[in-house]
PDB file of N, CA and C in Angstrom:
ATOM      1  N   UNK A   1     -10.065 -22.626 -10.205  1.00  0.00           N
ATOM      2  CA  UNK A   1      -9.204 -23.601  -9.517  1.00  0.00           C
ATOM      3  C   UNK A   1     -10.121 -24.158  -8.475  1.00  0.00           C
ATOM      4  N   UNK A   2      -9.838 -25.490  -8.212  1.00  0.00           N
ATOM      5  CA  UNK A   2     -10.647 -26.204  -7.287  1.00  0.00           C
ATOM      6  C   UNK A   2      -9.903 -26.114  -5.933  1.00  0.00           C
ATOM      7  N   UNK A   3     -10.553 -26.478  -4.905  1.00  0.00           N
ATOM      8  CA  UNK A   3      -9.899 -26.481  -3.463  1.00  0.00           C
ATOM      9  C   UNK A   3      -8.789 -27.431  -3.322  1.00  0.00           C
ATOM     10  N   UNK A   4      -7.744 -26.937  -2.637  1.00  0.00           N
ATOM     11  CA  UNK A   4      -6.606 -27.888  -2.518  1.00  0.00           C
ATOM     12  C   UNK A   4      -6.993 -29.163  -1.775  1.00  0.00           C
ATOM     13  N   UNK A   5      -6.316 -30.205  -2.155  1.00  0.00           N
ATOM     14  CA  UNK A   5      -6.573 -31.554  -1.457  1.00  0.00           C
ATOM     15  C   UNK A   5      -5.262 -32.068  -0.933  1.00  0.00           C
ATOM     16  N   UNK A   6      -5.202 -32.327   0.346  1.00  0.00           N
ATOM     17  CA  UNK A   6      -4.135 -32.986   1.157  1.00  0.00           C
ATOM     18  C   UNK A   6      -3.702 -34.276   0.380  1.00  0.00           C
ATOM     19  N   UNK A   7      -2.457 -34.533   0.315  1.00  0.00           N
ATOM     20  CA  UNK A   7      -1.869 -35.750  -0.345  1.00  0.00           C
ATOM     21  C   UNK A   7      -1.092 -36.513   0.727  1.00  0.00           C
ATOM     22  N   UNK A   8      -1.498 -37.619   1.250  1.00  0.00           N
ATOM     23  CA  UNK A   8      -0.760 -38.332   2.116  1.00  0.00           C
ATOM     24  C   UNK A   8       0.408 -38.979   1.592  1.00  0.00           C
ATOM     25  N   UNK A   9       1.516 -39.234   2.454  1.00  0.00           N
ATOM     26  CA  UNK A   9       2.715 -39.857   1.935  1.00  0.00           C
ATOM     27  C   UNK A   9       2.409 -41.235   1.528  1.00  0.00           C
ATOM     28  N   UNK A  10       3.093 -41.804   0.599  1.00  0.00           N
ATOM     29  CA  UNK A  10       4.402 -41.294  -0.069  1.00  0.00           C
ATOM     30  C   UNK A  10       4.118 -40.471  -1.207  1.00  0.00           C
ATOM     31  N   UNK A  11       2.893 -40.254  -1.665  1.00  0.00           N
ATOM     32  CA  UNK A  11       2.592 -39.554  -2.894  1.00  0.00           C
ATOM     33  C   UNK A  11       2.697 -40.391  -4.126  1.00  0.00           C
ATOM     34  N   UNK A  12       2.602 -39.796  -5.284  1.00  0.00           N
ATOM     35  CA  UNK A  12       2.617 -40.608  -6.525  1.00  0.00           C
ATOM     36  C   UNK A  12       3.180 -39.562  -7.536  1.00  0.00           C
ATOM     37  N   UNK A  13       3.455 -40.160  -8.752  1.00  0.00           N
ATOM     38  CA  UNK A  13       4.083 -39.470  -9.907  1.00  0.00           C
ATOM     39  C   UNK A  13       2.805 -39.024 -10.761  1.00  0.00           C
ATOM     40  N   UNK A  14       2.877 -37.836 -11.357  1.00  0.00           N
ATOM     41  CA  UNK A  14       1.800 -37.544 -12.336  1.00  0.00           C
ATOM     42  C   UNK A  14       0.609 -37.077 -11.778  1.00  0.00           C
ATOM     43  N   UNK A  15       0.463 -36.631 -10.596  1.00  0.00           N
ATOM     44  CA  UNK A  15      -0.750 -36.200  -9.972  1.00  0.00           C
ATOM     45  C   UNK A  15      -0.878 -34.699  -9.617  1.00  0.00           C
ATOM     46  N   UNK A  16      -0.066 -33.898 -10.442  1.00  0.00           N
ATOM     47  CA  UNK A  16      -0.119 -32.395 -10.151  1.00  0.00           C
ATOM     48  C   UNK A  16      -1.177 -31.676 -10.765  1.00  0.00           C
ATOM     49  N   UNK A  17      -1.221 -30.390 -10.670  1.00  0.00           N
ATOM     50  CA  UNK A  17      -0.148 -29.621  -9.950  1.00  0.00           C
ATOM     51  C   UNK A  17       0.008 -29.793  -8.466  1.00  0.00           C
ATOM     52  N   UNK A  18       1.190 -29.751  -8.028  1.00  0.00           N
ATOM     53  CA  UNK A  18       1.458 -30.042  -6.623  1.00  0.00           C
ATOM     54  C   UNK A  18       2.098 -28.852  -5.931  1.00  0.00           C
ATOM     55  N   UNK A  19       1.788 -28.558  -4.698  1.00  0.00           N
ATOM     56  CA  UNK A  19       2.359 -27.405  -3.992  1.00  0.00           C
ATOM     57  C   UNK A  19       2.688 -27.784  -2.429  1.00  0.00           C
ATOM     58  N   UNK A  20       3.610 -27.205  -1.930  1.00  0.00           N
ATOM     59  CA  UNK A  20       3.844 -27.130  -0.463  1.00  0.00           C
ATOM     60  C   UNK A  20       3.062 -26.095  -0.018  1.00  0.00           C
ATOM     61  N   UNK A  21       2.290 -26.222   1.048  1.00  0.00           N
ATOM     62  CA  UNK A  21       1.474 -25.198   1.672  1.00  0.00           C
ATOM     63  C   UNK A  21       2.078 -24.997   3.008  1.00  0.00           C
ATOM     64  N   UNK A  22       2.721 -23.843   3.319  1.00  0.00           N
ATOM     65  CA  UNK A  22       3.466 -23.605   4.478  1.00  0.00           C
ATOM     66  C   UNK A  22       2.587 -22.555   5.401  1.00  0.00           C
ATOM     67  N   UNK A  23       2.300 -23.056   6.542  1.00  0.00           N
ATOM     68  CA  UNK A  23       1.510 -22.238   7.447  1.00  0.00           C
ATOM     69  C   UNK A  23       2.373 -21.233   8.116  1.00  0.00           C
ATOM     70  N   UNK A  24       2.259 -19.976   7.818  1.00  0.00           N
ATOM     71  CA  UNK A  24       3.273 -18.921   8.267  1.00  0.00           C
ATOM     72  C   UNK A  24       3.539 -19.008   9.809  1.00  0.00           C
ATOM     73  N   UNK A  25       2.368 -18.870  10.481  1.00  0.00           N
ATOM     74  CA  UNK A  25       2.509 -18.709  11.988  1.00  0.00           C
ATOM     75  C   UNK A  25       3.079 -20.040  12.696  1.00  0.00           C
ATOM     76  N   UNK A  26       2.759 -21.125  12.171  1.00  0.00           N
ATOM     77  CA  UNK A  26       3.296 -22.347  12.793  1.00  0.00           C
ATOM     78  C   UNK A  26       4.821 -22.582  12.533  1.00  0.00           C
ATOM     79  N   UNK A  27       5.130 -22.038  11.275  1.00  0.00           N
ATOM     80  CA  UNK A  27       6.612 -22.090  10.793  1.00  0.00           C
ATOM     81  C   UNK A  27       7.418 -20.807  11.332  1.00  0.00           C
ATOM     82  N   UNK A  28       6.948 -19.940  12.017  1.00  0.00           N
ATOM     83  CA  UNK A  28       7.531 -18.732  12.579  1.00  0.00           C
ATOM     84  C   UNK A  28       8.909 -19.094  13.086  1.00  0.00           C
ATOM     85  N   UNK A  29       9.878 -18.231  12.609  1.00  0.00           N
ATOM     86  CA  UNK A  29      11.178 -18.393  13.022  1.00  0.00           C
ATOM     87  C   UNK A  29      12.129 -19.433  12.143  1.00  0.00           C
ATOM     88  N   UNK A  30      11.395 -20.193  11.419  1.00  0.00           N
ATOM     89  CA  UNK A  30      11.999 -21.175  10.574  1.00  0.00           C
ATOM     90  C   UNK A  30      11.900 -20.991   9.010  1.00  0.00           C
ATOM     91  N   UNK A  31      10.917 -20.006   8.834  1.00  0.00           N
ATOM     92  CA  UNK A  31      10.508 -19.734   7.439  1.00  0.00           C
ATOM     93  C   UNK A  31      10.609 -18.253   7.168  1.00  0.00           C
ATOM     94  N   UNK A  32      10.941 -17.862   6.038  1.00  0.00           N
ATOM     95  CA  UNK A  32      11.244 -18.541   4.743  1.00  0.00           C
ATOM     96  C   UNK A  32      12.602 -19.244   4.712  1.00  0.00           C
ATOM     97  N   UNK A  33      12.737 -20.135   3.879  1.00  0.00           N
ATOM     98  CA  UNK A  33      13.942 -21.038   3.669  1.00  0.00           C
ATOM     99  C   UNK A  33      14.586 -20.772   2.261  1.00  0.00           C
ATOM    100  N   UNK A  34      15.781 -20.427   2.168  1.00  0.00           N
ATOM    101  CA  UNK A  34      16.441 -20.143   0.770  1.00  0.00           C
ATOM    102  C   UNK A  34      16.137 -21.453  -0.049  1.00  0.00           C
ATOM    103  N   UNK A  35      15.905 -21.234  -1.335  1.00  0.00           N
ATOM    104  CA  UNK A  35      15.761 -22.376  -2.243  1.00  0.00           C
ATOM    105  C   UNK A  35      14.351 -22.800  -2.402  1.00  0.00           C
ATOM    106  N   UNK A  36      13.321 -22.219  -1.540  1.00  0.00           N
ATOM    107  CA  UNK A  36      12.012 -22.597  -1.625  1.00  0.00           C
ATOM    108  C   UNK A  36      11.250 -21.280  -1.825  1.00  0.00           C
ATOM    109  N   UNK A  37      10.924 -21.071  -3.088  1.00  0.00           N
ATOM    110  CA  UNK A  37      10.366 -19.650  -3.521  1.00  0.00           C
ATOM    111  C   UNK A  37       8.999 -19.803  -3.504  1.00  0.00           C
ATOM    112  N   UNK A  38       8.285 -18.770  -2.874  1.00  0.00           N
ATOM    113  CA  UNK A  38       6.809 -18.590  -2.961  1.00  0.00           C
ATOM    114  C   UNK A  38       6.240 -18.496  -4.357  1.00  0.00           C
ATOM    115  N   UNK A  39       5.146 -19.122  -4.489  1.00  0.00           N
ATOM    116  CA  UNK A  39       4.305 -18.974  -5.808  1.00  0.00           C
ATOM    117  C   UNK A  39       3.762 -17.527  -5.960  1.00  0.00           C
ATOM    118  N   UNK A  40       4.233 -16.847  -6.916  1.00  0.00           N
ATOM    119  CA  UNK A  40       3.812 -15.472  -7.156  1.00  0.00           C
ATOM    120  C   UNK A  40       2.961 -15.240  -8.366  1.00  0.00           C
ATOM    121  N   UNK A  41       2.805 -16.317  -9.156  1.00  0.00           N
ATOM    122  CA  UNK A  41       2.069 -16.164 -10.437  1.00  0.00           C
ATOM    123  C   UNK A  41       0.554 -16.456 -10.357  1.00  0.00           C
ATOM    124  N   UNK A  42       0.123 -16.727  -9.273  1.00  0.00           N
ATOM    125  CA  UNK A  42      -1.294 -17.048  -9.059  1.00  0.00           C
ATOM    126  C   UNK A  42      -1.912 -16.110  -7.943  1.00  0.00           C
ATOM    127  N   UNK A  43      -2.754 -15.271  -8.290  1.00  0.00           N
ATOM    128  CA  UNK A  43      -3.278 -14.191  -7.456  1.00  0.00           C
ATOM    129  C   UNK A  43      -3.832 -14.781  -6.168  1.00  0.00           C
ATOM    130  N   UNK A  44      -4.728 -15.852  -6.353  1.00  0.00           N
ATOM    131  CA  UNK A  44      -5.472 -16.380  -5.266  1.00  0.00           C
ATOM    132  C   UNK A  44      -4.505 -16.946  -4.194  1.00  0.00           C
ATOM    133  N   UNK A  45      -3.478 -17.657  -4.709  1.00  0.00           N
ATOM    134  CA  UNK A  45      -2.465 -18.131  -3.766  1.00  0.00           C
ATOM    135  C   UNK A  45      -1.644 -17.098  -3.047  1.00  0.00           C
ATOM    136  N   UNK A  46      -1.211 -16.183  -3.859  1.00  0.00           N
ATOM    137  CA  UNK A  46      -0.391 -15.001  -3.256  1.00  0.00           C
ATOM    138  C   UNK A  46      -1.180 -14.179  -2.327  1.00  0.00           C
ATOM    139  N   UNK A  47      -2.576 -14.141  -2.390  1.00  0.00           N
ATOM    140  CA  UNK A  47      -3.363 -13.471  -1.547  1.00  0.00           C
ATOM    141  C   UNK A  47      -3.748 -14.085  -0.180  1.00  0.00           C
ATOM    142  N   UNK A  48      -3.347 -15.333  -0.115  1.00  0.00           N
ATOM    143  CA  UNK A  48      -3.657 -16.230   1.025  1.00  0.00           C
ATOM    144  C   UNK A  48      -3.043 -15.479   2.231  1.00  0.00           C
ATOM    145  N   UNK A  49      -3.949 -15.178   3.391  1.00  0.00           N
ATOM    146  CA  UNK A  49      -3.325 -14.548   4.523  1.00  0.00           C
ATOM    147  C   UNK A  49      -2.602 -15.368   5.386  1.00  0.00           C
ATOM    148  N   UNK A  50      -2.734 -16.715   5.386  1.00  0.00           N
ATOM    149  CA  UNK A  50      -2.153 -17.668   6.276  1.00  0.00           C
ATOM    150  C   UNK A  50      -1.040 -18.432   5.834  1.00  0.00           C
ATOM    151  N   UNK A  51      -0.946 -18.738   4.535  1.00  0.00           N
ATOM    152  CA  UNK A  51      -0.072 -19.637   3.968  1.00  0.00           C
ATOM    153  C   UNK A  51       0.826 -19.059   2.899  1.00  0.00           C
ATOM    154  N   UNK A  52       1.991 -19.549   2.761  1.00  0.00           N
ATOM    155  CA  UNK A  52       2.772 -19.427   1.547  1.00  0.00           C
ATOM    156  C   UNK A  52       2.713 -20.741   0.878  1.00  0.00           C
ATOM    157  N   UNK A  53       2.689 -20.586  -0.480  1.00  0.00           N
ATOM    158  CA  UNK A  53       2.635 -21.599  -1.370  1.00  0.00           C
ATOM    159  C   UNK A  53       3.795 -21.763  -2.302  1.00  0.00           C
ATOM    160  N   UNK A  54       4.391 -22.955  -2.370  1.00  0.00           N
ATOM    161  CA  UNK A  54       5.651 -23.280  -3.138  1.00  0.00           C
ATOM    162  C   UNK A  54       5.265 -24.245  -4.111  1.00  0.00           C
ATOM    163  N   UNK A  55       5.311 -24.038  -5.361  1.00  0.00           N
ATOM    164  CA  UNK A  55       5.102 -25.006  -6.470  1.00  0.00           C
ATOM    165  C   UNK A  55       6.152 -26.063  -6.477  1.00  0.00           C
ATOM    166  N   UNK A  56       5.801 -27.277  -6.441  1.00  0.00           N
ATOM    167  CA  UNK A  56       6.754 -28.334  -6.567  1.00  0.00           C
ATOM    168  C   UNK A  56       7.304 -28.516  -7.918  1.00  0.00           C
ATOM    169  N   UNK A  57       8.379 -28.210  -8.227  1.00  0.00           N
ATOM    170  CA  UNK A  57       8.956 -28.156  -9.685  1.00  0.00           C
ATOM    171  C   UNK A  57       8.649 -29.338 -10.482  1.00  0.00           C
ATOM    172  N   UNK A  58       8.762 -30.597  -9.890  1.00  0.00           N
ATOM    173  CA  UNK A  58       8.589 -31.695 -10.664  1.00  0.00           C
ATOM    174  C   UNK A  58       7.050 -32.026 -10.891  1.00  0.00           C
ATOM    175  N   UNK A  59       6.157 -31.361 -10.199  1.00  0.00           N
ATOM    176  CA  UNK A  59       4.704 -31.379 -10.429  1.00  0.00           C
ATOM    177  C   UNK A  59       4.071 -32.762  -9.847  1.00  0.00           C
ATOM    178  N   UNK A  60       4.795 -33.491  -8.927  1.00  0.00           N
ATOM    179  CA  UNK A  60       4.064 -34.640  -8.453  1.00  0.00           C
ATOM    180  C   UNK A  60       4.325 -34.735  -6.927  1.00  0.00           C
ATOM    181  N   UNK A  61       3.394 -35.403  -6.343  1.00  0.00           N
ATOM    182  CA  UNK A  61       3.388 -35.436  -4.735  1.00  0.00           C
ATOM    183  C   UNK A  61       4.413 -36.230  -4.242  1.00  0.00           C
ATOM    184  N   UNK A  62       4.995 -37.228  -4.957  1.00  0.00           N
ATOM    185  CA  UNK A  62       6.117 -37.994  -4.404  1.00  0.00           C
ATOM    186  C   UNK A  62       7.330 -36.991  -4.168  1.00  0.00           C
ATOM    187  N   UNK A  63       7.649 -36.149  -5.090  1.00  0.00           N
ATOM    188  CA  UNK A  63       8.683 -35.159  -4.963  1.00  0.00           C
ATOM    189  C   UNK A  63       8.256 -34.073  -3.981  1.00  0.00           C
ATOM    190  N   UNK A  64       7.029 -33.853  -3.876  1.00  0.00           N
ATOM    191  CA  UNK A  64       6.633 -32.831  -2.855  1.00  0.00           C
ATOM    192  C   UNK A  64       6.819 -33.422  -1.472  1.00  0.00           C
ATOM    193  N   UNK A  65       6.533 -34.596  -1.218  1.00  0.00           N
ATOM    194  CA  UNK A  65       6.892 -35.192   0.130  1.00  0.00           C
ATOM    195  C   UNK A  65       8.396 -35.211   0.323  1.00  0.00           C
ATOM    196  N   UNK A  66       9.148 -35.505  -0.511  1.00  0.00           N
ATOM    197  CA  UNK A  66      10.660 -35.465  -0.385  1.00  0.00           C
ATOM    198  C   UNK A  66      11.078 -34.080  -0.073  1.00  0.00           C
ATOM    199  N   UNK A  67      10.523 -32.991  -0.557  1.00  0.00           N
ATOM    200  CA  UNK A  67      10.732 -31.469  -0.292  1.00  0.00           C
ATOM    201  C   UNK A  67      10.323 -31.128   1.085  1.00  0.00           C
ATOM    202  N   UNK A  68       9.160 -31.616   1.401  1.00  0.00           N
ATOM    203  CA  UNK A  68       8.497 -31.401   2.641  1.00  0.00           C
ATOM    204  C   UNK A  68       9.367 -32.112   3.721  1.00  0.00           C
ATOM    205  N   UNK A  69       9.813 -33.317   3.667  1.00  0.00           N
ATOM    206  CA  UNK A  69      10.747 -33.965   4.536  1.00  0.00           C
ATOM    207  C   UNK A  69      12.109 -33.323   4.719  1.00  0.00           C
ATOM    208  N   UNK A  70      12.537 -32.827   3.585  1.00  0.00           N
ATOM    209  CA  UNK A  70      13.728 -31.989   3.793  1.00  0.00           C
ATOM    210  C   UNK A  70      13.615 -30.645   4.452  1.00  0.00           C
ATOM    211  N   UNK A  71      12.431 -29.902   4.371  1.00  0.00           N
ATOM    212  CA  UNK A  71      12.249 -28.755   5.197  1.00  0.00           C
ATOM    213  C   UNK A  71      12.152 -29.081   6.617  1.00  0.00           C
ATOM    214  N   UNK A  72      11.477 -30.178   6.939  1.00  0.00           N
ATOM    215  CA  UNK A  72      11.276 -30.513   8.276  1.00  0.00           C
ATOM    216  C   UNK A  72      12.614 -31.014   8.937  1.00  0.00           C
ATOM    217  N   UNK A  73      13.429 -31.763   8.165  1.00  0.00           N
ATOM    218  CA  UNK A  73      14.702 -32.337   8.804  1.00  0.00           C
ATOM    219  C   UNK A  73      15.848 -31.306   8.759  1.00  0.00           C
ATOM    220  N   UNK A  74      16.009 -30.638   7.608  1.00  0.00           N
ATOM    221  CA  UNK A  74      17.169 -29.747   7.373  1.00  0.00           C
ATOM    222  C   UNK A  74      16.924 -28.391   7.924  1.00  0.00           C
ATOM    223  N   UNK A  75      15.709 -27.902   8.021  1.00  0.00           N
ATOM    224  CA  UNK A  75      15.498 -26.456   8.293  1.00  0.00           C
ATOM    225  C   UNK A  75      14.636 -26.407   9.521  1.00  0.00           C
ATOM    226  N   UNK A  76      14.324 -27.535  10.275  1.00  0.00           N
ATOM    227  CA  UNK A  76      13.614 -27.485  11.505  1.00  0.00           C
ATOM    228  C   UNK A  76      12.164 -26.890  11.426  1.00  0.00           C
ATOM    229  N   UNK A  77      11.442 -27.041  10.244  1.00  0.00           N
ATOM    230  CA  UNK A  77      10.101 -26.617  10.180  1.00  0.00           C
ATOM    231  C   UNK A  77       9.291 -27.509  10.993  1.00  0.00           C
ATOM    232  N   UNK A  78       8.330 -27.112  11.736  1.00  0.00           N
ATOM    233  CA  UNK A  78       7.542 -28.068  12.593  1.00  0.00           C
ATOM    234  C   UNK A  78       6.648 -28.964  11.456  1.00  0.00           C
ATOM    235  N   UNK A  79       6.438 -30.130  11.749  1.00  0.00           N
ATOM    236  CA  UNK A  79       5.816 -30.935  10.744  1.00  0.00           C
ATOM    237  C   UNK A  79       4.460 -30.599  10.511  1.00  0.00           C
ATOM    238  N   UNK A  80       3.753 -29.912  11.448  1.00  0.00           N
ATOM    239  CA  UNK A  80       2.431 -29.494  11.100  1.00  0.00           C
ATOM    240  C   UNK A  80       2.264 -28.144  10.259  1.00  0.00           C
ATOM    241  N   UNK A  81       3.531 -27.596  10.017  1.00  0.00           N
ATOM    242  CA  UNK A  81       3.558 -26.215   9.393  1.00  0.00           C
ATOM    243  C   UNK A  81       3.707 -26.451   7.825  1.00  0.00           C
ATOM    244  N   UNK A  82       3.861 -27.521   7.383  1.00  0.00           N
ATOM    245  CA  UNK A  82       4.060 -27.734   5.901  1.00  0.00           C
ATOM    246  C   UNK A  82       3.418 -28.928   5.495  1.00  0.00           C
ATOM    247  N   UNK A  83       2.526 -28.779   4.431  1.00  0.00           N
ATOM    248  CA  UNK A  83       1.594 -29.865   3.900  1.00  0.00           C
ATOM    249  C   UNK A  83       1.810 -29.924   2.378  1.00  0.00           C
ATOM    250  N   UNK A  84       1.701 -31.254   1.837  1.00  0.00           N
ATOM    251  CA  UNK A  84       1.701 -31.450   0.426  1.00  0.00           C
ATOM    252  C   UNK A  84       0.286 -31.358  -0.011  1.00  0.00           C
ATOM    253  N   UNK A  85      -0.145 -30.516  -1.009  1.00  0.00           N
ATOM    254  CA  UNK A  85      -1.403 -30.407  -1.516  1.00  0.00           C
ATOM    255  C   UNK A  85      -1.473 -30.431  -2.996  1.00  0.00           C
ATOM    256  N   UNK A  86      -2.518 -30.797  -3.569  1.00  0.00           N
ATOM    257  CA  UNK A  86      -2.562 -30.815  -5.111  1.00  0.00           C
ATOM    258  C   UNK A  86      -4.054 -30.041  -5.463  1.00  0.00           C
ATOM    259  N   UNK A  87      -4.126 -29.652  -6.563  1.00  0.00           N
ATOM    260  CA  UNK A  87      -5.250 -29.116  -7.185  1.00  0.00           C
ATOM    261  C   UNK A  87      -5.689 -29.983  -8.307  1.00  0.00           C
ATOM    262  N   UNK A  88      -6.797 -30.823  -8.213  1.00  0.00           N
ATOM    263  CA  UNK A  88      -7.367 -31.558  -9.393  1.00  0.00           C
ATOM    264  C   UNK A  88      -8.009 -30.691 -10.191  1.00  0.00           C
ATOM    265  N   UNK A  89      -7.926 -30.963 -11.721  1.00  0.00           N
ATOM    266  CA  UNK A  89      -8.647 -30.145 -12.617  1.00  0.00           C
ATOM    267  C   UNK A  89     -10.150 -30.398 -12.413  1.00  0.00           C
ATOM    268  N   UNK A  90     -10.996 -29.431 -12.631  1.00  0.00           N
ATOM    269  CA  UNK A  90     -12.377 -29.629 -12.531  1.00  0.00           C
ATOM    270  C   UNK A  90     -12.817 -30.684 -13.414  1.00  0.00           C
ATOM    271  N   UNK A  91     -13.962 -31.373 -13.128  1.00  0.00           N
ATOM    272  CA  UNK A  91     -14.426 -32.498 -14.045  1.00  0.00           C
ATOM    273  C   UNK A  91     -14.600 -31.996 -15.485  1.00  0.00           C
ATOM    274  N   UNK A  92     -14.218 -32.913 -16.378  1.00  0.00           N
ATOM    275  CA  UNK A  92     -14.412 -32.475 -17.779  1.00  0.00           C
ATOM    276  C   UNK A  92     -13.298 -31.558 -18.380  1.00  0.00           C
ATOM    277  N   UNK A  93     -12.335 -31.176 -17.534  1.00  0.00           N
ATOM    278  CA  UNK A  93     -11.248 -30.338 -17.915  1.00  0.00           C
ATOM    279  C   UNK A  93      -9.894 -31.204 -18.019  1.00  0.00           C
ATOM    280  N   UNK A  94      -9.060 -30.967 -18.864  1.00  0.00           N
ATOM    281  CA  UNK A  94      -7.772 -31.577 -18.994  1.00  0.00           C
ATOM    282  C   UNK A  94      -6.857 -30.742 -18.268  1.00  0.00           C
ATOM    283  N   UNK A  95      -5.769 -31.285 -17.886  1.00  0.00           N
ATOM    284  CA  UNK A  95      -4.594 -30.408 -17.275  1.00  0.00           C
ATOM    285  C   UNK A  95      -3.958 -29.600 -18.391  1.00  0.00           C
TER     286      UNK A  95
END
C-alpha cells in the first residue's frame, strides 16, 4: 500500500479507496461516533498508534468530505481531527 494522500475539498468521484483518518488525541471526548466503524481488515491501518481509519463506503472523496463535514457539524469533532485521505495504486497496478 502506498502512503495516504490528503484530498482537498470538494473531492471527486472514482478516486478511491478513500478513508477518513481520525486523529484520536485531537478528537478526544468526541470520538468514537456511532455509525462510523473503524477499518479492521487492514493490519497496517489497525496498528496505527495515532489514528483510527474509517473506510468511506462509497469509495470516493466527495462522499468522504460529506462524511467528514457531518462528523464536524453533528458530532463536534474538531476540524483538524479528521481528514479525507486516499491511497493511489502503485504505478502499473490497477485497482
